[in-house]
C-alpha atoms as a PDB file:
ATOM      1  CA  MET A   1      81.415 100.106 113.244  1.00  0.00           C
ATOM      2  CA  MET A   2      82.019  96.363 113.357  1.00  0.00           C
ATOM      3  CA  PHE A   3      79.486  95.423 109.861  1.00  0.00           C
ATOM      4  CA  TYR A   4      81.765  99.367 108.235  1.00  0.00           C
ATOM      5  CA  ARG A   5      85.019  97.827 109.163  1.00  0.00           C
ATOM      6  CA  ALA A   6      83.939  93.740 108.030  1.00  0.00           C
ATOM      7  CA  SER A   7      82.033  94.725 105.172  1.00  0.00           C
ATOM      8  CA  ILE A   8      82.690  97.841 103.830  1.00  0.00           C
ATOM      9  CA  GLU A   9      85.790  99.077 103.974  1.00  0.00           C
ATOM     10  CA  SER A  10      87.706  95.690 103.044  1.00  0.00           C
ATOM     11  CA  VAL A  11      85.591  95.510 100.141  1.00  0.00           C
ATOM     12  CA  MET A  12      86.642  98.895  99.083  1.00  0.00           C
ATOM     13  CA  THR A  13      90.337  99.134 100.001  1.00  0.00           C
ATOM     14  CA  PHE A  14      90.391  95.739  98.460  1.00  0.00           C
ATOM     15  CA  ASN A  15      94.500  96.059  97.829  1.00  0.00           C
ATOM     16  CA  PHE A  16      93.664  99.293  96.945  1.00  0.00           C
ATOM     17  CA  THR A  17      97.243 100.245  97.136  1.00  0.00           C
ATOM     18  CA  THR A  18      98.095  98.977  93.599  1.00  0.00           C
ATOM     19  CA  TRP A  19      94.757 100.996  91.608  1.00  0.00           C
ATOM     20  CA  LEU A  20      94.008 103.405  93.556  1.00  0.00           C
ATOM     21  CA  PHE A  21      96.680 105.705  92.469  1.00  0.00           C
ATOM     22  CA  ALA A  22      95.958 105.238  88.661  1.00  0.00           C
ATOM     23  CA  CYS A  23      92.143 106.406  89.496  1.00  0.00           C
ATOM     24  CA  SER A  24      91.168 109.333  88.456  1.00  0.00           C
ATOM     25  CA  ALA A  25      89.807 111.893  90.990  1.00  0.00           C
ATOM     26  CA  GLU A  26      86.296 111.150  89.588  1.00  0.00           C
ATOM     27  CA  ASP A  27      86.140 107.345  91.393  1.00  0.00           C
ATOM     28  CA  ARG A  28      88.126 108.814  94.030  1.00  0.00           C
ATOM     29  CA  TYR A  29      85.316 111.070  94.892  1.00  0.00           C
ATOM     30  CA  LYS A  30      82.338 108.574  94.860  1.00  0.00           C
ATOM     31  CA  LEU A  31      84.887 106.014  97.092  1.00  0.00           C
ATOM     32  CA  ASP A  32      85.142 109.272  99.490  1.00  0.00           C
ATOM     33  CA  ARG A  33      81.225 109.427  99.451  1.00  0.00           C
ATOM     34  CA  VAL A  34      80.924 105.866 100.679  1.00  0.00           C
ATOM     35  CA  ILE A  35      82.738 106.430 103.416  1.00  0.00           C
ATOM     36  CA  LYS A  36      80.495 109.531 104.572  1.00  0.00           C
ATOM     37  CA  GLN A  37      77.082 107.571 104.094  1.00  0.00           C
ATOM     38  CA  ALA A  38      78.526 105.008 106.743  1.00  0.00           C
ATOM     39  CA  GLU A  39      80.097 107.960 108.512  1.00  0.00           C
ATOM     40  CA  LYS A  40      76.520 109.286 108.864  1.00  0.00           C
ATOM     41  CA  ILE A  41      74.755 105.571 109.214  1.00  0.00           C
ATOM     42  CA  ILE A  42      77.128 104.511 111.854  1.00  0.00           C
ATOM     43  CA  GLY A  43      76.674 107.789 113.844  1.00  0.00           C
ATOM     44  CA  THR A  44      80.681 108.109 114.249  1.00  0.00           C
ATOM     45  CA  GLN A  45      83.698 109.604 112.350  1.00  0.00           C
ATOM     46  CA  LEU A  46      85.453 107.688 110.103  1.00  0.00           C
ATOM     47  CA  PRO A  47      88.853 107.154 108.817  1.00  0.00           C
ATOM     48  CA  SER A  48      88.838 109.302 105.089  1.00  0.00           C
ATOM     49  CA  LEU A  49      90.354 108.036 102.452  1.00  0.00           C
ATOM     50  CA  ASP A  50      93.573 109.904 102.608  1.00  0.00           C
ATOM     51  CA  ASP A  51      93.650 108.433 105.712  1.00  0.00           C
ATOM     52  CA  LEU A  52      93.653 105.545 104.600  1.00  0.00           C
ATOM     53  CA  ILE A  53      95.647 105.241 101.848  1.00  0.00           C
ATOM     54  CA  LYS A  54      98.586 106.836 103.738  1.00  0.00           C
ATOM     55  CA  SER A  55      98.642 104.539 106.495  1.00  0.00           C
ATOM     56  CA  ARG A  56      98.154 101.781 104.307  1.00  0.00           C
ATOM     57  CA  THR A  57     100.498 102.562 101.904  1.00  0.00           C
ATOM     58  CA  ILE A  58     103.007 103.206 105.051  1.00  0.00           C
ATOM     59  CA  ARG A  59     102.749  99.296 105.999  1.00  0.00           C
ATOM     60  CA  LYS A  60     103.117  98.411 102.364  1.00  0.00           C
ATOM     61  CA  VAL A  61     106.520  99.682 102.179  1.00  0.00           C
ATOM     62  CA  HIS A  62     108.037  98.964 104.833  1.00  0.00           C
ATOM     63  CA  ARG A  63     106.720  94.931 104.906  1.00  0.00           C
ATOM     64  CA  THR A  64     108.426  95.688 101.255  1.00  0.00           C
ATOM     65  CA  MET A  65     111.503  96.954 102.526  1.00  0.00           C
ATOM     66  CA  ALA A  66     111.950  94.574 105.447  1.00  0.00           C
ATOM     67  CA  ASP A  67     111.864  91.620 102.918  1.00  0.00           C
ATOM     68  CA  GLU A  68     114.881  91.202 101.192  1.00  0.00           C
ATOM     69  CA  SER A  69     113.447  88.871  99.521  1.00  0.00           C
ATOM     70  CA  HIS A  70     110.943  90.764  97.527  1.00  0.00           C
ATOM     71  CA  PRO A  71     111.056  91.345  94.090  1.00  0.00           C
ATOM     72  CA  LEU A  72     109.824  95.371  95.316  1.00  0.00           C
ATOM     73  CA  CYS A  73     112.777  95.854  97.946  1.00  0.00           C
ATOM     74  CA  SER A  74     115.276  97.264  95.013  1.00  0.00           C
ATOM     75  CA  GLN A  75     112.815 100.005  94.162  1.00  0.00           C
ATOM     76  CA  PHE A  76     113.227 101.308  97.945  1.00  0.00           C
ATOM     77  CA  GLN A  77     116.547 102.548  97.925  1.00  0.00           C
ATOM     78  CA  LEU A  78     117.513 105.157 100.752  1.00  0.00           C
ATOM     79  CA  LEU A  79     119.147 109.170 100.475  1.00  0.00           C
ATOM     80  CA  PRO A  80     122.048 109.491 102.137  1.00  0.00           C
ATOM     81  CA  SER A  81     120.510 111.140 104.750  1.00  0.00           C
ATOM     82  CA  ARG A  82     118.472 107.499 105.618  1.00  0.00           C
ATOM     83  CA  ARG A  83     115.251 109.358 106.350  1.00  0.00           C
ATOM     84  CA  ARG A  84     113.610 109.350 102.661  1.00  0.00           C
ATOM     85  CA  LEU A  85     113.230 107.500  99.342  1.00  0.00           C
ATOM     86  CA  ARG A  86     114.977 107.819  95.910  1.00  0.00           C
ATOM     87  CA  VAL A  87     111.963 108.717  93.640  1.00  0.00           C
ATOM     88  CA  ALA A  88     113.038 106.529  90.882  1.00  0.00           C
ATOM     89  CA  LYS A  89     112.550 108.784  87.163  1.00  0.00           C
ATOM     90  CA  SER A  90     109.636 107.919  85.244  1.00  0.00           C
ATOM     91  CA  ARG A  91     109.010 108.980  81.449  1.00  0.00           C
ATOM     92  CA  THR A  92     105.619 108.163  81.652  1.00  0.00           C
ATOM     93  CA  GLU A  93     102.702 109.054  83.341  1.00  0.00           C
ATOM     94  CA  ARG A  94     101.702 104.936  83.331  1.00  0.00           C
ATOM     95  CA  MET A  95     104.438 104.703  85.773  1.00  0.00           C
ATOM     96  CA  ARG A  96     104.690 108.392  87.416  1.00  0.00           C
ATOM     97  CA  LYS A  97     100.801 106.778  88.826  1.00  0.00           C
ATOM     98  CA  SER A  98     101.792 102.670  89.696  1.00  0.00           C
ATOM     99  CA  PHE A  99     102.277 102.086  93.083  1.00  0.00           C
ATOM    100  CA  VAL A 100     106.203 102.733  93.367  1.00  0.00           C
ATOM    101  CA  PRO A 101     107.289 106.020  92.985  1.00  0.00           C
ATOM    102  CA  SER A 102     103.613 106.628  94.714  1.00  0.00           C
ATOM    103  CA  ALA A 103     104.439 105.364  98.037  1.00  0.00           C
ATOM    104  CA  ILE A 104     107.516 107.172  97.965  1.00  0.00           C
ATOM    105  CA  THR A 105     106.146 110.145  97.180  1.00  0.00           C
ATOM    106  CA  VAL A 106     103.479 109.334  99.913  1.00  0.00           C
ATOM    107  CA  LEU A 107     106.229 108.473 102.209  1.00  0.00           C
ATOM    108  CA  ASN A 108     108.802 111.353 101.938  1.00  0.00           C
ATOM    109  CA  SER A 109     106.049 112.984 102.108  1.00  0.00           C
ATOM    110  CA  ILE A 110     105.678 112.187 105.928  1.00  0.00           C
ATOM    111  CA  TYR A 111     109.085 112.715 107.079  1.00  0.00           C
END
């Protein structure tokens, strides 16, 4: 388990909060297969790709919102309910699949 976390998961998830939302379904399937193979080898249940995405994205958004000097801090605006975040309108698919709108969607789906 320690080897998996140190070598495989760390390489696989390095900065993936920025690029994972734009990757194709085939690429996500390949990453998921790596996790499934590691589960078989280790013999224990590992967090799924979706769980990793949610946990890392939530942690990144909370850190960004807490640091007011962060350039993306102004992009995460709370709605009047103070629970959900405002999703900015985007005209292009490239913008829609970038980190900020995707992270807001993930965070809003939890609350």
